[in-house]
Amino acid sequence: MPLRIWREPLDLDKTKVRRAEIRIIKERCRGCGFCIEFCPKDVLEVSKEPNEKGAYPPKLVDETRCALCSFCQTVCPDVAIITIEKEL
């Protein structure tokens, strides 16, 4: 069961919400699925179109749910995912 926030933080006006930009290099991916399996926010899913290697790379479901943990970038053995913090 996910944690529900029942009130707003007292320093909400002082905090900056981090937004992520996720870049996927489809031609590097070999379709291992580690990024999809280990994403804590379910931001990625398997695409329906294969790349030139015949693998099915990940595609973004909802970039706004990304917590910018960069775990997908860390577990990718092919260095096919890059996470960048967007400037607001």
C-alpha atoms as a PDB file:
ATOM      1  CA  MET A   1       0.000   0.000   0.000  1.00  0.00           C
ATOM      2  CA  PRO A   2       1.542   3.343  -1.032  1.00  0.00           C
ATOM      3  CA  LEU A   3       2.126   6.061   1.507  1.00  0.00           C
ATOM      4  CA  ARG A   4      -0.540   8.742   1.405  1.00  0.00           C
ATOM      5  CA  ILE A   5       0.307  12.308   2.250  1.00  0.00           C
ATOM      6  CA  TRP A   6      -2.555  13.771   4.231  1.00  0.00           C
ATOM      7  CA  ARG A   7      -1.143  17.256   4.673  1.00  0.00           C
ATOM      8  CA  GLU A   8       1.136  19.672   2.876  1.00  0.00           C
ATOM      9  CA  PRO A   9       4.693  20.117   4.148  1.00  0.00           C
ATOM     10  CA  LEU A  10       5.261  23.301   6.163  1.00  0.00           C
ATOM     11  CA  ASP A  11       8.091  24.396   3.854  1.00  0.00           C
ATOM     12  CA  LEU A  12       6.235  23.719   0.592  1.00  0.00           C
ATOM     13  CA  ASP A  13       6.803  27.274  -0.668  1.00  0.00           C
ATOM     14  CA  LYS A  14      10.576  26.894  -0.153  1.00  0.00           C
ATOM     15  CA  THR A  15      11.052  23.481  -1.725  1.00  0.00           C
ATOM     16  CA  LYS A  16      11.830  22.929  -5.361  1.00  0.00           C
ATOM     17  CA  VAL A  17      10.138  20.032  -7.124  1.00  0.00           C
ATOM     18  CA  ARG A  18      12.677  18.213  -9.259  1.00  0.00           C
ATOM     19  CA  ARG A  19      11.585  17.297 -12.794  1.00  0.00           C
ATOM     20  CA  ALA A  20      13.315  14.693 -14.897  1.00  0.00           C
ATOM     21  CA  GLU A  21      14.088  14.349 -18.560  1.00  0.00           C
ATOM     22  CA  ILE A  22      14.702  10.753 -19.573  1.00  0.00           C
ATOM     23  CA  ARG A  23      16.574  10.040 -22.778  1.00  0.00           C
ATOM     24  CA  ILE A  24      16.580   6.535 -24.212  1.00  0.00           C
ATOM     25  CA  ILE A  25      19.123   5.578 -26.875  1.00  0.00           C
ATOM     26  CA  LYS A  26      17.055   2.882 -28.573  1.00  0.00           C
ATOM     27  CA  GLU A  27      19.821   1.538 -30.802  1.00  0.00           C
ATOM     28  CA  ARG A  28      22.116   0.767 -27.844  1.00  0.00           C
ATOM     29  CA  CYS A  29      19.467  -1.226 -25.964  1.00  0.00           C
ATOM     30  CA  ARG A  30      19.550  -5.014 -26.090  1.00  0.00           C
ATOM     31  CA  GLY A  31      16.241  -5.464 -24.284  1.00  0.00           C
ATOM     32  CA  CYS A  32      17.354  -6.831 -20.912  1.00  0.00           C
ATOM     33  CA  GLY A  33      14.462  -5.055 -19.129  1.00  0.00           C
ATOM     34  CA  PHE A  34      16.401  -4.171 -15.967  1.00  0.00           C
ATOM     35  CA  CYS A  35      15.332  -0.533 -16.207  1.00  0.00           C
ATOM     36  CA  ILE A  36      11.666  -1.484 -16.432  1.00  0.00           C
ATOM     37  CA  GLU A  37      11.820  -4.106 -13.695  1.00  0.00           C
ATOM     38  CA  PHE A  38      13.630  -2.014 -11.101  1.00  0.00           C
ATOM     39  CA  CYS A  39      11.996   1.408 -11.645  1.00  0.00           C
ATOM     40  CA  PRO A  40      10.294   2.297  -8.334  1.00  0.00           C
ATOM     41  CA  LYS A  41       7.725   4.569 -10.031  1.00  0.00           C
ATOM     42  CA  ASP A  42       6.883   2.432 -13.123  1.00  0.00           C
ATOM     43  CA  VAL A  43       7.926   5.177 -15.522  1.00  0.00           C
ATOM     44  CA  LEU A  44       9.032   2.788 -18.295  1.00  0.00           C
ATOM     45  CA  GLU A  45       7.417  -0.072 -20.201  1.00  0.00           C
ATOM     46  CA  VAL A  46       8.411  -2.320 -23.107  1.00  0.00           C
ATOM     47  CA  SER A  47       7.845  -0.763 -26.521  1.00  0.00           C
ATOM     48  CA  LYS A  48       6.087  -2.600 -29.311  1.00  0.00           C
ATOM     49  CA  GLU A  49       8.656  -1.665 -31.957  1.00  0.00           C
ATOM     50  CA  PRO A  50      12.025  -3.449 -32.081  1.00  0.00           C
ATOM     51  CA  ASN A  51      15.294  -1.627 -32.707  1.00  0.00           C
ATOM     52  CA  GLU A  52      17.833  -2.643 -35.366  1.00  0.00           C
ATOM     53  CA  LYS A  53      19.200  -5.399 -33.088  1.00  0.00           C
ATOM     54  CA  GLY A  54      15.740  -6.947 -32.775  1.00  0.00           C
ATOM     55  CA  ALA A  55      15.406  -5.999 -29.106  1.00  0.00           C
ATOM     56  CA  TYR A  56      12.422  -4.183 -27.662  1.00  0.00           C
ATOM     57  CA  PRO A  57      13.747  -1.080 -25.879  1.00  0.00           C
ATOM     58  CA  PRO A  58      11.845   0.698 -23.099  1.00  0.00           C
ATOM     59  CA  LYS A  59       9.499   3.586 -23.750  1.00  0.00           C
ATOM     60  CA  LEU A  60       8.275   6.295 -21.413  1.00  0.00           C
ATOM     61  CA  VAL A  61       4.884   5.892 -19.800  1.00  0.00           C
ATOM     62  CA  ASP A  62       4.762   9.101 -17.776  1.00  0.00           C
ATOM     63  CA  GLU A  63       7.885  11.206 -17.304  1.00  0.00           C
ATOM     64  CA  THR A  64       6.214  13.338 -14.615  1.00  0.00           C
ATOM     65  CA  ARG A  65       6.151  10.362 -12.206  1.00  0.00           C
ATOM     66  CA  CYS A  66       9.949  10.050 -12.322  1.00  0.00           C
ATOM     67  CA  ALA A  67      11.590  10.600  -8.921  1.00  0.00           C
ATOM     68  CA  LEU A  68      14.967  11.295 -10.570  1.00  0.00           C
ATOM     69  CA  CYS A  69      16.618   8.470  -8.653  1.00  0.00           C
ATOM     70  CA  SER A  70      18.664   7.544 -11.781  1.00  0.00           C
ATOM     71  CA  PHE A  71      18.373   3.876 -10.900  1.00  0.00           C
ATOM     72  CA  CYS A  72      17.407   2.995 -14.491  1.00  0.00           C
ATOM     73  CA  GLN A  73      20.605   4.677 -15.660  1.00  0.00           C
ATOM     74  CA  THR A  74      22.655   2.811 -13.067  1.00  0.00           C
ATOM     75  CA  VAL A  75      21.350  -0.699 -13.805  1.00  0.00           C
ATOM     76  CA  CYS A  76      21.484  -0.378 -17.615  1.00  0.00           C
ATOM     77  CA  PRO A  77      24.416  -2.515 -18.827  1.00  0.00           C
ATOM     78  CA  ASP A  78      24.368  -0.845 -22.257  1.00  0.00           C
ATOM     79  CA  VAL A  79      24.352   2.786 -21.039  1.00  0.00           C
ATOM     80  CA  ALA A  80      21.195   3.325 -23.101  1.00  0.00           C
ATOM     81  CA  ILE A  81      19.331   5.534 -20.602  1.00  0.00           C
ATOM     82  CA  ILE A  82      20.265   8.997 -19.445  1.00  0.00           C
ATOM     83  CA  THR A  83      18.388  10.920 -16.754  1.00  0.00           C
ATOM     84  CA  ILE A  84      18.774  14.687 -16.576  1.00  0.00           C
ATOM     85  CA  GLU A  85      17.238  17.176 -14.167  1.00  0.00           C
ATOM     86  CA  LYS A  86      15.180  19.740 -16.066  1.00  0.00           C
ATOM     87  CA  GLU A  87      15.632  23.427 -15.409  1.00  0.00           C
ATOM     88  CA  LEU A  88      12.418  25.014 -14.145  1.00  0.00           C
END
